[in-house]
Amino acid sequence: MGFFDLFRREARISGRETLVDFLDQQAAFLAQKGLYEYSRARAGPYGNLLFDEPAFLAEIEKARWAAYPATLAMVAETVDGVLRPAAGDRREAMLRGVNAAALAAFDRYRMPAAFDAEAWAHLRQTLEHDLASIGLHPVKRVMDVPARYLDRYVEAMPIHEKLKGKDVPTIHNYLRTNLCHVHDAFVRRADVPAVVAALV
């Protein structure tokens, strides 16, 4: 990023493609930032050495892809919470549009080398199930959205089970805080009526 990029206006979200971009970028950020920061914190003074190890880098790359469907579902549910009140009697069509946009974000990527076809297909199927479940309950508070996905996010982390178990509340708070930032960014950038119209 150059110096003058700091002063550029954020891209407006007004249609399906810009929504897909938003879902993808925010989900990737949630997945990667959390995994990297947690791993560095756990490694302490050896963090820099850890991130120089090819074996660890391969593990965290696999973890990033394993966590991505869960963070993508979280972001999609957050977006639905903003759009649903504006959709009126078009709520079901709007939700189908959000779900299709989230799946389009996932389908942008080829299967990573760390996964076989069965495992990659399972991640997509799990994402489809998560997305289908969003419309089965009232809109949640943003801070309550991560709870359903927390176990999978924690499981993806490339840290021994005995170490990460005690850190689950910290990881949960990370997701809650950052998903609130995602919500605020969407509210700030989205032309809600235009997005709803594009999706239905």
N, C-alpha and C. Protein backbone atom coordinates (compact mmCIF):
# COMPACT_ATOMS: atom_id res chain seq x y z
N MET A 1 0.84 -1.19 0.00
CA MET A 1 0.00 0.00 0.00
C MET A 1 0.88 1.24 0.00
N GLY A 2 0.62 2.14 -0.92
CA GLY A 2 1.36 3.38 -0.96
C GLY A 2 0.78 4.41 -0.01
N PHE A 3 1.55 5.49 0.22
CA PHE A 3 1.11 6.52 1.17
C PHE A 3 -0.23 7.11 0.78
N PHE A 4 -0.43 7.42 -0.50
CA PHE A 4 -1.67 8.07 -0.93
C PHE A 4 -2.87 7.12 -0.92
N ASP A 5 -2.61 5.79 -0.85
CA ASP A 5 -3.71 4.84 -0.75
C ASP A 5 -4.48 5.02 0.55
N LEU A 6 -3.81 5.57 1.56
CA LEU A 6 -4.46 5.79 2.84
C LEU A 6 -5.61 6.78 2.74
N PHE A 7 -5.58 7.64 1.73
CA PHE A 7 -6.58 8.69 1.60
C PHE A 7 -7.66 8.37 0.57
N ARG A 8 -7.57 7.18 -0.03
CA ARG A 8 -8.58 6.79 -0.99
C ARG A 8 -9.86 6.39 -0.26
N ARG A 9 -10.99 6.69 -0.89
CA ARG A 9 -12.26 6.31 -0.30
C ARG A 9 -12.46 4.80 -0.44
N GLU A 10 -13.10 4.22 0.55
CA GLU A 10 -13.39 2.80 0.48
C GLU A 10 -14.39 2.54 -0.64
N ALA A 11 -14.24 1.39 -1.29
CA ALA A 11 -15.13 1.04 -2.39
C ALA A 11 -16.56 0.89 -1.88
N ARG A 12 -17.50 1.46 -2.62
CA ARG A 12 -18.91 1.38 -2.27
C ARG A 12 -19.43 -0.01 -2.62
N ILE A 13 -20.27 -0.58 -1.78
CA ILE A 13 -20.88 -1.88 -2.03
C ILE A 13 -22.30 -1.62 -2.53
N SER A 14 -22.52 -1.87 -3.80
CA SER A 14 -23.82 -1.52 -4.38
C SER A 14 -24.40 -2.61 -5.26
N GLY A 15 -23.72 -3.73 -5.39
CA GLY A 15 -24.21 -4.81 -6.25
C GLY A 15 -23.61 -6.13 -5.85
N ARG A 16 -23.90 -7.15 -6.62
CA ARG A 16 -23.48 -8.50 -6.26
C ARG A 16 -21.96 -8.65 -6.25
N GLU A 17 -21.29 -8.14 -7.28
CA GLU A 17 -19.85 -8.35 -7.36
C GLU A 17 -19.11 -7.64 -6.23
N THR A 18 -19.53 -6.43 -5.92
CA THR A 18 -18.87 -5.73 -4.82
C THR A 18 -19.19 -6.40 -3.48
N LEU A 19 -20.36 -7.04 -3.38
CA LEU A 19 -20.68 -7.80 -2.17
C LEU A 19 -19.80 -9.04 -2.07
N VAL A 20 -19.61 -9.75 -3.18
CA VAL A 20 -18.73 -10.92 -3.17
C VAL A 20 -17.33 -10.51 -2.74
N ASP A 21 -16.84 -9.39 -3.28
CA ASP A 21 -15.52 -8.89 -2.89
C ASP A 21 -15.45 -8.64 -1.39
N PHE A 22 -16.47 -7.99 -0.85
CA PHE A 22 -16.50 -7.67 0.58
C PHE A 22 -16.50 -8.94 1.42
N LEU A 23 -17.36 -9.88 1.09
CA LEU A 23 -17.42 -11.13 1.84
C LEU A 23 -16.07 -11.84 1.83
N ASP A 24 -15.47 -11.92 0.66
CA ASP A 24 -14.18 -12.61 0.51
C ASP A 24 -13.09 -11.91 1.31
N GLN A 25 -12.96 -10.62 1.15
CA GLN A 25 -11.89 -9.87 1.81
C GLN A 25 -12.02 -9.92 3.33
N GLN A 26 -13.22 -9.72 3.82
CA GLN A 26 -13.41 -9.69 5.27
C GLN A 26 -13.23 -11.08 5.89
N ALA A 27 -13.73 -12.11 5.21
CA ALA A 27 -13.57 -13.47 5.73
C ALA A 27 -12.10 -13.89 5.73
N ALA A 28 -11.38 -13.56 4.66
CA ALA A 28 -9.96 -13.89 4.59
C ALA A 28 -9.18 -13.16 5.68
N PHE A 29 -9.54 -11.90 5.92
CA PHE A 29 -8.88 -11.12 6.98
C PHE A 29 -9.12 -11.75 8.35
N LEU A 30 -10.37 -12.10 8.64
CA LEU A 30 -10.70 -12.71 9.93
C LEU A 30 -9.92 -14.00 10.14
N ALA A 31 -9.86 -14.81 9.10
CA ALA A 31 -9.17 -16.10 9.21
C ALA A 31 -7.67 -15.90 9.42
N GLN A 32 -7.05 -15.12 8.55
CA GLN A 32 -5.60 -15.00 8.60
C GLN A 32 -5.10 -14.21 9.80
N LYS A 33 -5.72 -13.08 10.08
CA LYS A 33 -5.25 -12.23 11.18
C LYS A 33 -5.31 -12.99 12.51
N GLY A 34 -6.42 -13.67 12.74
CA GLY A 34 -6.56 -14.40 13.99
C GLY A 34 -5.54 -15.51 14.14
N LEU A 35 -5.35 -16.28 13.07
CA LEU A 35 -4.39 -17.39 13.12
C LEU A 35 -2.97 -16.90 13.32
N TYR A 36 -2.60 -15.85 12.60
CA TYR A 36 -1.24 -15.33 12.70
C TYR A 36 -0.99 -14.71 14.08
N GLU A 37 -1.92 -13.90 14.55
CA GLU A 37 -1.71 -13.23 15.83
C GLU A 37 -1.69 -14.23 16.98
N TYR A 38 -2.58 -15.21 16.94
CA TYR A 38 -2.61 -16.21 18.00
C TYR A 38 -1.32 -17.02 18.01
N SER A 39 -0.88 -17.43 16.83
CA SER A 39 0.34 -18.24 16.75
C SER A 39 1.54 -17.46 17.26
N ARG A 40 1.63 -16.18 16.90
CA ARG A 40 2.74 -15.35 17.39
C ARG A 40 2.67 -15.18 18.89
N ALA A 41 1.47 -14.97 19.41
CA ALA A 41 1.33 -14.79 20.86
C ALA A 41 1.70 -16.07 21.59
N ARG A 42 1.29 -17.21 21.07
CA ARG A 42 1.61 -18.48 21.71
C ARG A 42 3.11 -18.79 21.65
N ALA A 43 3.76 -18.39 20.55
CA ALA A 43 5.18 -18.67 20.40
C ALA A 43 6.05 -17.72 21.22
N GLY A 44 5.48 -16.58 21.63
CA GLY A 44 6.22 -15.63 22.45
C GLY A 44 7.46 -15.11 21.74
N PRO A 45 8.59 -15.10 22.42
CA PRO A 45 9.81 -14.56 21.81
C PRO A 45 10.32 -15.37 20.61
N TYR A 46 9.76 -16.56 20.43
CA TYR A 46 10.19 -17.40 19.30
C TYR A 46 9.29 -17.23 18.09
N GLY A 47 8.39 -16.22 18.12
CA GLY A 47 7.44 -16.03 17.04
C GLY A 47 8.09 -15.85 15.69
N ASN A 48 9.12 -15.01 15.63
CA ASN A 48 9.78 -14.78 14.34
C ASN A 48 10.45 -16.04 13.81
N LEU A 49 11.03 -16.81 14.72
CA LEU A 49 11.65 -18.07 14.30
C LEU A 49 10.59 -19.04 13.78
N LEU A 50 9.45 -19.07 14.46
CA LEU A 50 8.38 -19.97 14.05
C LEU A 50 7.94 -19.67 12.63
N PHE A 51 7.81 -18.38 12.30
CA PHE A 51 7.31 -18.00 10.98
C PHE A 51 8.40 -18.09 9.91
N ASP A 52 9.60 -18.51 10.29
CA ASP A 52 10.66 -18.81 9.33
C ASP A 52 10.72 -20.30 9.00
N GLU A 53 9.92 -21.10 9.73
CA GLU A 53 9.96 -22.54 9.55
C GLU A 53 9.02 -22.97 8.42
N PRO A 54 9.55 -23.57 7.36
CA PRO A 54 8.68 -24.01 6.25
C PRO A 54 7.56 -24.95 6.69
N ALA A 55 7.84 -25.84 7.64
CA ALA A 55 6.82 -26.78 8.09
C ALA A 55 5.67 -26.05 8.76
N PHE A 56 5.98 -25.04 9.57
CA PHE A 56 4.92 -24.29 10.23
C PHE A 56 4.14 -23.45 9.22
N LEU A 57 4.84 -22.85 8.28
CA LEU A 57 4.16 -22.05 7.27
C LEU A 57 3.18 -22.90 6.46
N ALA A 58 3.56 -24.15 6.19
CA ALA A 58 2.66 -25.05 5.48
C ALA A 58 1.43 -25.36 6.33
N GLU A 59 1.64 -25.53 7.64
CA GLU A 59 0.53 -25.81 8.54
C GLU A 59 -0.43 -24.62 8.67
N ILE A 60 0.13 -23.43 8.77
CA ILE A 60 -0.74 -22.27 8.95
C ILE A 60 -1.47 -21.93 7.64
N GLU A 61 -0.86 -22.26 6.51
CA GLU A 61 -1.56 -22.08 5.24
C GLU A 61 -2.76 -23.02 5.16
N LYS A 62 -2.57 -24.27 5.60
CA LYS A 62 -3.68 -25.22 5.64
C LYS A 62 -4.75 -24.73 6.61
N ALA A 63 -4.32 -24.22 7.77
CA ALA A 63 -5.25 -23.73 8.78
C ALA A 63 -6.08 -22.56 8.25
N ARG A 64 -5.43 -21.69 7.49
CA ARG A 64 -6.12 -20.52 6.94
C ARG A 64 -7.27 -20.95 6.03
N TRP A 65 -7.04 -21.95 5.19
CA TRP A 65 -8.09 -22.44 4.30
C TRP A 65 -9.15 -23.20 5.07
N ALA A 66 -8.75 -23.91 6.12
CA ALA A 66 -9.74 -24.64 6.93
C ALA A 66 -10.66 -23.69 7.67
N ALA A 67 -10.14 -22.54 8.09
CA ALA A 67 -10.94 -21.57 8.84
C ALA A 67 -11.79 -20.69 7.92
N TYR A 68 -11.39 -20.54 6.67
CA TYR A 68 -12.05 -19.60 5.76
C TYR A 68 -13.55 -19.84 5.60
N PRO A 69 -14.03 -21.07 5.41
CA PRO A 69 -15.49 -21.24 5.29
C PRO A 69 -16.25 -20.79 6.53
N ALA A 70 -15.68 -21.00 7.70
CA ALA A 70 -16.35 -20.57 8.94
C ALA A 70 -16.41 -19.05 9.02
N THR A 71 -15.31 -18.38 8.69
CA THR A 71 -15.33 -16.92 8.75
C THR A 71 -16.20 -16.34 7.64
N LEU A 72 -16.25 -17.02 6.50
CA LEU A 72 -17.12 -16.59 5.41
C LEU A 72 -18.59 -16.66 5.83
N ALA A 73 -18.97 -17.72 6.53
CA ALA A 73 -20.34 -17.84 7.02
C ALA A 73 -20.63 -16.76 8.06
N MET A 74 -19.67 -16.46 8.92
CA MET A 74 -19.86 -15.40 9.92
C MET A 74 -20.12 -14.05 9.25
N VAL A 75 -19.32 -13.73 8.24
CA VAL A 75 -19.47 -12.45 7.56
C VAL A 75 -20.80 -12.42 6.81
N ALA A 76 -21.18 -13.53 6.17
CA ALA A 76 -22.46 -13.59 5.47
C ALA A 76 -23.62 -13.38 6.43
N GLU A 77 -23.54 -13.98 7.61
CA GLU A 77 -24.61 -13.81 8.59
C GLU A 77 -24.68 -12.37 9.09
N THR A 78 -23.53 -11.74 9.23
CA THR A 78 -23.48 -10.33 9.63
C THR A 78 -24.11 -9.44 8.57
N VAL A 79 -23.80 -9.71 7.31
CA VAL A 79 -24.38 -8.95 6.20
C VAL A 79 -25.90 -9.16 6.14
N ASP A 80 -26.33 -10.40 6.32
CA ASP A 80 -27.78 -10.67 6.34
C ASP A 80 -28.48 -9.86 7.43
N GLY A 81 -27.82 -9.71 8.58
CA GLY A 81 -28.42 -8.95 9.66
C GLY A 81 -28.66 -7.49 9.31
N VAL A 82 -27.84 -6.95 8.41
CA VAL A 82 -28.03 -5.57 7.96
C VAL A 82 -29.09 -5.49 6.87
N LEU A 83 -29.07 -6.45 5.95
CA LEU A 83 -29.96 -6.40 4.78
C LEU A 83 -31.38 -6.87 5.09
N ARG A 84 -31.53 -7.80 6.01
CA ARG A 84 -32.84 -8.41 6.24
C ARG A 84 -33.93 -7.39 6.57
N PRO A 85 -33.69 -6.43 7.47
CA PRO A 85 -34.76 -5.47 7.77
C PRO A 85 -35.18 -4.64 6.55
N ALA A 86 -34.25 -4.45 5.61
CA ALA A 86 -34.55 -3.64 4.43
C ALA A 86 -35.21 -4.44 3.31
N ALA A 87 -35.21 -5.77 3.44
CA ALA A 87 -35.69 -6.61 2.35
C ALA A 87 -37.20 -6.79 2.36
N GLY A 88 -37.83 -6.57 3.51
CA GLY A 88 -39.28 -6.70 3.58
C GLY A 88 -39.76 -8.07 3.17
N ASP A 89 -40.73 -8.13 2.27
CA ASP A 89 -41.27 -9.41 1.85
C ASP A 89 -40.37 -10.12 0.84
N ARG A 90 -39.23 -9.53 0.55
CA ARG A 90 -38.25 -10.16 -0.34
C ARG A 90 -37.11 -10.81 0.46
N ARG A 91 -37.36 -11.03 1.74
CA ARG A 91 -36.30 -11.53 2.63
C ARG A 91 -35.70 -12.85 2.16
N GLU A 92 -36.54 -13.81 1.77
CA GLU A 92 -36.03 -15.12 1.37
C GLU A 92 -35.17 -15.02 0.11
N ALA A 93 -35.63 -14.23 -0.85
CA ALA A 93 -34.85 -14.05 -2.08
C ALA A 93 -33.53 -13.35 -1.78
N MET A 94 -33.57 -12.36 -0.88
CA MET A 94 -32.35 -11.66 -0.50
C MET A 94 -31.36 -12.61 0.15
N LEU A 95 -31.85 -13.45 1.07
CA LEU A 95 -30.96 -14.38 1.75
C LEU A 95 -30.36 -15.39 0.77
N ARG A 96 -31.15 -15.85 -0.18
CA ARG A 96 -30.60 -16.74 -1.22
C ARG A 96 -29.48 -16.03 -1.98
N GLY A 97 -29.68 -14.72 -2.22
CA GLY A 97 -28.66 -13.95 -2.91
C GLY A 97 -27.38 -13.81 -2.09
N VAL A 98 -27.52 -13.57 -0.80
CA VAL A 98 -26.33 -13.48 0.08
C VAL A 98 -25.61 -14.83 0.10
N ASN A 99 -26.38 -15.90 0.24
CA ASN A 99 -25.76 -17.23 0.28
C ASN A 99 -25.03 -17.54 -1.03
N ALA A 100 -25.64 -17.20 -2.14
CA ALA A 100 -25.00 -17.43 -3.44
C ALA A 100 -23.72 -16.60 -3.58
N ALA A 101 -23.74 -15.38 -3.03
CA ALA A 101 -22.54 -14.53 -3.08
C ALA A 101 -21.42 -15.13 -2.24
N ALA A 102 -21.77 -15.67 -1.08
CA ALA A 102 -20.75 -16.30 -0.22
C ALA A 102 -20.15 -17.53 -0.89
N LEU A 103 -21.00 -18.34 -1.52
CA LEU A 103 -20.49 -19.51 -2.23
C LEU A 103 -19.64 -19.10 -3.43
N ALA A 104 -20.01 -17.99 -4.08
CA ALA A 104 -19.20 -17.49 -5.20
C ALA A 104 -17.82 -17.06 -4.71
N ALA A 105 -17.77 -16.48 -3.51
CA ALA A 105 -16.47 -16.10 -2.94
C ALA A 105 -15.62 -17.34 -2.70
N PHE A 106 -16.21 -18.38 -2.15
CA PHE A 106 -15.47 -19.64 -1.91
C PHE A 106 -14.99 -20.23 -3.24
N ASP A 107 -15.87 -20.20 -4.24
CA ASP A 107 -15.55 -20.85 -5.52
C ASP A 107 -14.55 -20.08 -6.36
N ARG A 108 -14.14 -18.90 -5.90
CA ARG A 108 -13.09 -18.18 -6.61
C ARG A 108 -11.75 -18.93 -6.56
N TYR A 109 -11.60 -19.81 -5.59
CA TYR A 109 -10.30 -20.41 -5.31
C TYR A 109 -10.24 -21.85 -5.78
N ARG A 110 -9.10 -22.19 -6.32
CA ARG A 110 -8.83 -23.59 -6.64
C ARG A 110 -8.54 -24.34 -5.35
N MET A 111 -8.69 -25.64 -5.39
CA MET A 111 -8.42 -26.46 -4.22
C MET A 111 -6.96 -26.31 -3.81
N PRO A 112 -6.68 -25.90 -2.56
CA PRO A 112 -5.29 -25.77 -2.12
C PRO A 112 -4.58 -27.11 -2.10
N ALA A 113 -3.27 -27.07 -2.21
CA ALA A 113 -2.48 -28.30 -2.27
C ALA A 113 -2.59 -29.13 -1.00
N ALA A 114 -2.89 -28.48 0.12
CA ALA A 114 -2.96 -29.19 1.40
C ALA A 114 -4.22 -30.03 1.55
N PHE A 115 -5.17 -29.93 0.62
CA PHE A 115 -6.43 -30.65 0.71
C PHE A 115 -6.60 -31.59 -0.47
N ASP A 116 -7.29 -32.71 -0.21
CA ASP A 116 -7.70 -33.54 -1.34
C ASP A 116 -9.12 -33.13 -1.73
N ALA A 117 -9.62 -33.70 -2.82
CA ALA A 117 -10.91 -33.27 -3.36
C ALA A 117 -12.04 -33.52 -2.36
N GLU A 118 -11.97 -34.62 -1.63
CA GLU A 118 -13.03 -34.95 -0.67
C GLU A 118 -13.06 -33.94 0.48
N ALA A 119 -11.89 -33.60 1.02
CA ALA A 119 -11.83 -32.65 2.13
C ALA A 119 -12.28 -31.26 1.71
N TRP A 120 -11.89 -30.85 0.50
CA TRP A 120 -12.27 -29.52 0.00
C TRP A 120 -13.77 -29.46 -0.25
N ALA A 121 -14.32 -30.54 -0.81
CA ALA A 121 -15.77 -30.60 -1.03
C ALA A 121 -16.52 -30.58 0.30
N HIS A 122 -15.97 -31.21 1.31
CA HIS A 122 -16.61 -31.21 2.64
C HIS A 122 -16.65 -29.80 3.22
N LEU A 123 -15.59 -29.03 3.04
CA LEU A 123 -15.59 -27.65 3.52
C LEU A 123 -16.69 -26.84 2.84
N ARG A 124 -16.85 -27.04 1.55
CA ARG A 124 -17.90 -26.31 0.82
C ARG A 124 -19.29 -26.75 1.29
N GLN A 125 -19.47 -28.04 1.49
CA GLN A 125 -20.77 -28.54 1.96
C GLN A 125 -21.10 -27.99 3.35
N THR A 126 -20.09 -27.90 4.20
CA THR A 126 -20.30 -27.34 5.53
C THR A 126 -20.70 -25.87 5.43
N LEU A 127 -20.06 -25.14 4.52
CA LEU A 127 -20.41 -23.74 4.30
C LEU A 127 -21.86 -23.63 3.80
N GLU A 128 -22.24 -24.48 2.86
CA GLU A 128 -23.62 -24.46 2.37
C GLU A 128 -24.61 -24.69 3.50
N HIS A 129 -24.31 -25.63 4.38
CA HIS A 129 -25.19 -25.92 5.51
C HIS A 129 -25.29 -24.72 6.45
N ASP A 130 -24.14 -24.11 6.73
CA ASP A 130 -24.13 -22.94 7.60
C ASP A 130 -24.97 -21.81 7.01
N LEU A 131 -24.82 -21.58 5.73
CA LEU A 131 -25.56 -20.51 5.07
C LEU A 131 -27.06 -20.80 5.07
N ALA A 132 -27.43 -22.05 4.85
CA ALA A 132 -28.85 -22.42 4.83
C ALA A 132 -29.48 -22.24 6.20
N SER A 133 -28.68 -22.30 7.25
CA SER A 133 -29.20 -22.19 8.62
C SER A 133 -29.44 -20.75 9.04
N ILE A 134 -28.87 -19.80 8.32
CA ILE A 134 -28.95 -18.39 8.74
C ILE A 134 -30.40 -17.90 8.78
N GLY A 135 -31.19 -18.30 7.82
CA GLY A 135 -32.56 -17.82 7.74
C GLY A 135 -33.53 -18.51 8.68
N LEU A 136 -33.05 -19.46 9.47
CA LEU A 136 -33.94 -20.23 10.34
C LEU A 136 -34.14 -19.60 11.71
N HIS A 137 -33.51 -18.45 11.94
CA HIS A 137 -33.63 -17.79 13.24
C HIS A 137 -33.68 -16.29 13.03
N PRO A 138 -34.16 -15.54 14.01
CA PRO A 138 -34.15 -14.08 13.89
C PRO A 138 -32.73 -13.54 13.78
N VAL A 139 -32.60 -12.31 13.34
CA VAL A 139 -31.29 -11.67 13.25
C VAL A 139 -30.64 -11.65 14.63
N LYS A 140 -29.39 -12.06 14.68
CA LYS A 140 -28.65 -12.06 15.94
C LYS A 140 -27.89 -10.75 16.12
N ARG A 141 -27.56 -10.44 17.35
CA ARG A 141 -26.59 -9.38 17.59
C ARG A 141 -25.27 -9.84 16.98
N VAL A 142 -24.52 -8.92 16.43
CA VAL A 142 -23.27 -9.28 15.75
C VAL A 142 -22.35 -10.03 16.71
N MET A 143 -22.28 -9.59 17.96
CA MET A 143 -21.37 -10.22 18.91
C MET A 143 -21.76 -11.66 19.23
N ASP A 144 -23.01 -12.06 18.89
CA ASP A 144 -23.45 -13.43 19.15
C ASP A 144 -23.24 -14.35 17.95
N VAL A 145 -22.89 -13.80 16.82
CA VAL A 145 -22.75 -14.61 15.60
C VAL A 145 -21.63 -15.64 15.68
N PRO A 146 -20.43 -15.32 16.22
CA PRO A 146 -19.33 -16.29 16.15
C PRO A 146 -19.52 -17.56 16.95
N ALA A 147 -20.42 -17.59 17.93
CA ALA A 147 -20.51 -18.73 18.85
C ALA A 147 -20.71 -20.05 18.09
N ARG A 148 -21.54 -20.03 17.07
CA ARG A 148 -21.85 -21.27 16.35
C ARG A 148 -20.66 -21.80 15.56
N TYR A 149 -19.72 -20.92 15.23
CA TYR A 149 -18.59 -21.31 14.38
C TYR A 149 -17.28 -21.45 15.16
N LEU A 150 -17.33 -21.14 16.45
CA LEU A 150 -16.10 -21.02 17.24
C LEU A 150 -15.30 -22.32 17.26
N ASP A 151 -15.96 -23.45 17.50
CA ASP A 151 -15.24 -24.72 17.62
C ASP A 151 -14.43 -25.02 16.37
N ARG A 152 -15.03 -24.76 15.20
CA ARG A 152 -14.32 -25.05 13.95
C ARG A 152 -13.15 -24.11 13.73
N TYR A 153 -13.33 -22.85 14.13
CA TYR A 153 -12.24 -21.89 13.99
C TYR A 153 -11.07 -22.29 14.89
N VAL A 154 -11.36 -22.66 16.13
CA VAL A 154 -10.31 -23.07 17.07
C VAL A 154 -9.65 -24.35 16.58
N GLU A 155 -10.45 -25.28 16.09
CA GLU A 155 -9.92 -26.56 15.61
C GLU A 155 -8.93 -26.35 14.46
N ALA A 156 -9.14 -25.33 13.65
CA ALA A 156 -8.27 -25.08 12.50
C ALA A 156 -6.88 -24.61 12.90
N MET A 157 -6.75 -24.06 14.10
CA MET A 157 -5.48 -23.45 14.50
C MET A 157 -4.36 -24.49 14.60
N PRO A 158 -3.17 -24.14 14.08
CA PRO A 158 -2.06 -25.09 14.06
C PRO A 158 -1.29 -25.13 15.38
N ILE A 159 -2.02 -25.30 16.48
CA ILE A 159 -1.43 -25.32 17.82
C ILE A 159 -1.94 -26.57 18.52
N HIS A 160 -1.11 -27.15 19.39
CA HIS A 160 -1.48 -28.38 20.08
C HIS A 160 -2.75 -28.17 20.90
N GLU A 161 -3.61 -29.19 20.92
CA GLU A 161 -4.89 -29.11 21.61
C GLU A 161 -4.74 -28.68 23.07
N LYS A 162 -3.72 -29.17 23.76
CA LYS A 162 -3.55 -28.87 25.18
C LYS A 162 -3.26 -27.39 25.41
N LEU A 163 -2.68 -26.74 24.41
CA LEU A 163 -2.34 -25.32 24.56
C LEU A 163 -3.51 -24.42 24.23
N LYS A 164 -4.22 -24.73 23.14
CA LYS A 164 -5.24 -23.79 22.69
C LYS A 164 -6.55 -23.89 23.45
N GLY A 165 -6.78 -24.99 24.18
CA GLY A 165 -8.03 -25.17 24.89
C GLY A 165 -8.33 -24.05 25.87
N LYS A 166 -7.32 -23.62 26.60
CA LYS A 166 -7.54 -22.59 27.62
C LYS A 166 -7.71 -21.20 27.01
N ASP A 167 -7.42 -21.06 25.73
CA ASP A 167 -7.49 -19.75 25.07
C ASP A 167 -8.78 -19.54 24.29
N VAL A 168 -9.72 -20.47 24.39
CA VAL A 168 -10.96 -20.35 23.63
C VAL A 168 -11.70 -19.04 23.92
N PRO A 169 -11.82 -18.60 25.19
CA PRO A 169 -12.50 -17.31 25.44
C PRO A 169 -11.81 -16.13 24.75
N THR A 170 -10.48 -16.15 24.72
CA THR A 170 -9.74 -15.07 24.06
C THR A 170 -9.99 -15.08 22.56
N ILE A 171 -9.98 -16.27 21.97
CA ILE A 171 -10.24 -16.39 20.53
C ILE A 171 -11.67 -15.94 20.22
N HIS A 172 -12.60 -16.32 21.08
CA HIS A 172 -14.00 -15.92 20.88
C HIS A 172 -14.12 -14.40 20.91
N ASN A 173 -13.46 -13.77 21.87
CA ASN A 173 -13.51 -12.30 21.96
C ASN A 173 -12.88 -11.64 20.75
N TYR A 174 -11.81 -12.24 20.22
CA TYR A 174 -11.19 -11.72 19.00
C TYR A 174 -12.22 -11.71 17.86
N LEU A 175 -12.92 -12.83 17.69
CA LEU A 175 -13.90 -12.93 16.61
C LEU A 175 -15.05 -11.96 16.82
N ARG A 176 -15.52 -11.84 18.04
CA ARG A 176 -16.63 -10.92 18.32
C ARG A 176 -16.24 -9.48 18.00
N THR A 177 -15.07 -9.09 18.47
CA THR A 177 -14.62 -7.71 18.26
C THR A 177 -14.45 -7.41 16.78
N ASN A 178 -13.77 -8.29 16.08
CA ASN A 178 -13.47 -8.03 14.69
C ASN A 178 -14.70 -8.16 13.79
N LEU A 179 -15.65 -9.02 14.18
CA LEU A 179 -16.88 -9.10 13.40
C LEU A 179 -17.72 -7.83 13.58
N CYS A 180 -17.63 -7.21 14.75
CA CYS A 180 -18.29 -5.90 14.93
C CYS A 180 -17.67 -4.86 14.00
N HIS A 181 -16.35 -4.93 13.78
CA HIS A 181 -15.70 -4.02 12.83
C HIS A 181 -16.18 -4.30 11.41
N VAL A 182 -16.36 -5.59 11.08
CA VAL A 182 -16.88 -5.96 9.76
C VAL A 182 -18.29 -5.37 9.57
N HIS A 183 -19.12 -5.50 10.58
CA HIS A 183 -20.47 -4.94 10.54
C HIS A 183 -20.44 -3.44 10.29
N ASP A 184 -19.58 -2.74 11.05
CA ASP A 184 -19.50 -1.29 10.91
C ASP A 184 -19.02 -0.90 9.51
N ALA A 185 -18.07 -1.68 8.97
CA ALA A 185 -17.56 -1.40 7.63
C ALA A 185 -18.65 -1.60 6.58
N PHE A 186 -19.45 -2.64 6.75
CA PHE A 186 -20.52 -2.88 5.78
C PHE A 186 -21.58 -1.78 5.85
N VAL A 187 -21.96 -1.40 7.06
CA VAL A 187 -22.95 -0.33 7.22
C VAL A 187 -22.44 0.97 6.59
N ARG A 188 -21.16 1.22 6.76
CA ARG A 188 -20.55 2.46 6.25
C ARG A 188 -20.47 2.46 4.73
N ARG A 189 -20.20 1.31 4.15
CA ARG A 189 -19.90 1.25 2.73
C ARG A 189 -21.07 0.82 1.84
N ALA A 190 -22.09 0.19 2.42
CA ALA A 190 -23.13 -0.42 1.60
C ALA A 190 -24.26 0.54 1.26
N ASP A 191 -24.67 0.52 0.01
CA ASP A 191 -25.93 1.13 -0.42
C ASP A 191 -26.97 0.02 -0.27
N VAL A 192 -27.57 -0.06 0.91
CA VAL A 192 -28.40 -1.21 1.27
C VAL A 192 -29.54 -1.45 0.28
N PRO A 193 -30.35 -0.44 -0.08
CA PRO A 193 -31.43 -0.71 -1.06
C PRO A 193 -30.90 -1.25 -2.39
N ALA A 194 -29.76 -0.72 -2.84
CA ALA A 194 -29.19 -1.19 -4.11
C ALA A 194 -28.70 -2.63 -4.00
N VAL A 195 -28.10 -2.99 -2.88
CA VAL A 195 -27.63 -4.36 -2.70
C VAL A 195 -28.82 -5.32 -2.66
N VAL A 196 -29.84 -4.97 -1.89
CA VAL A 196 -31.03 -5.82 -1.83
C VAL A 196 -31.63 -6.00 -3.22
N ALA A 197 -31.76 -4.92 -3.97
CA ALA A 197 -32.33 -5.00 -5.32
C ALA A 197 -31.50 -5.89 -6.22
N ALA A 198 -30.17 -5.78 -6.10
CA ALA A 198 -29.28 -6.60 -6.94
C ALA A 198 -29.39 -8.08 -6.58
N LEU A 199 -29.61 -8.38 -5.32
CA LEU A 199 -29.64 -9.77 -4.89
C LEU A 199 -30.96 -10.47 -5.21
N VAL A 200 -32.04 -9.71 -5.24
CA VAL A 200 -33.35 -10.34 -5.48
C VAL A 200 -33.75 -10.29 -6.95
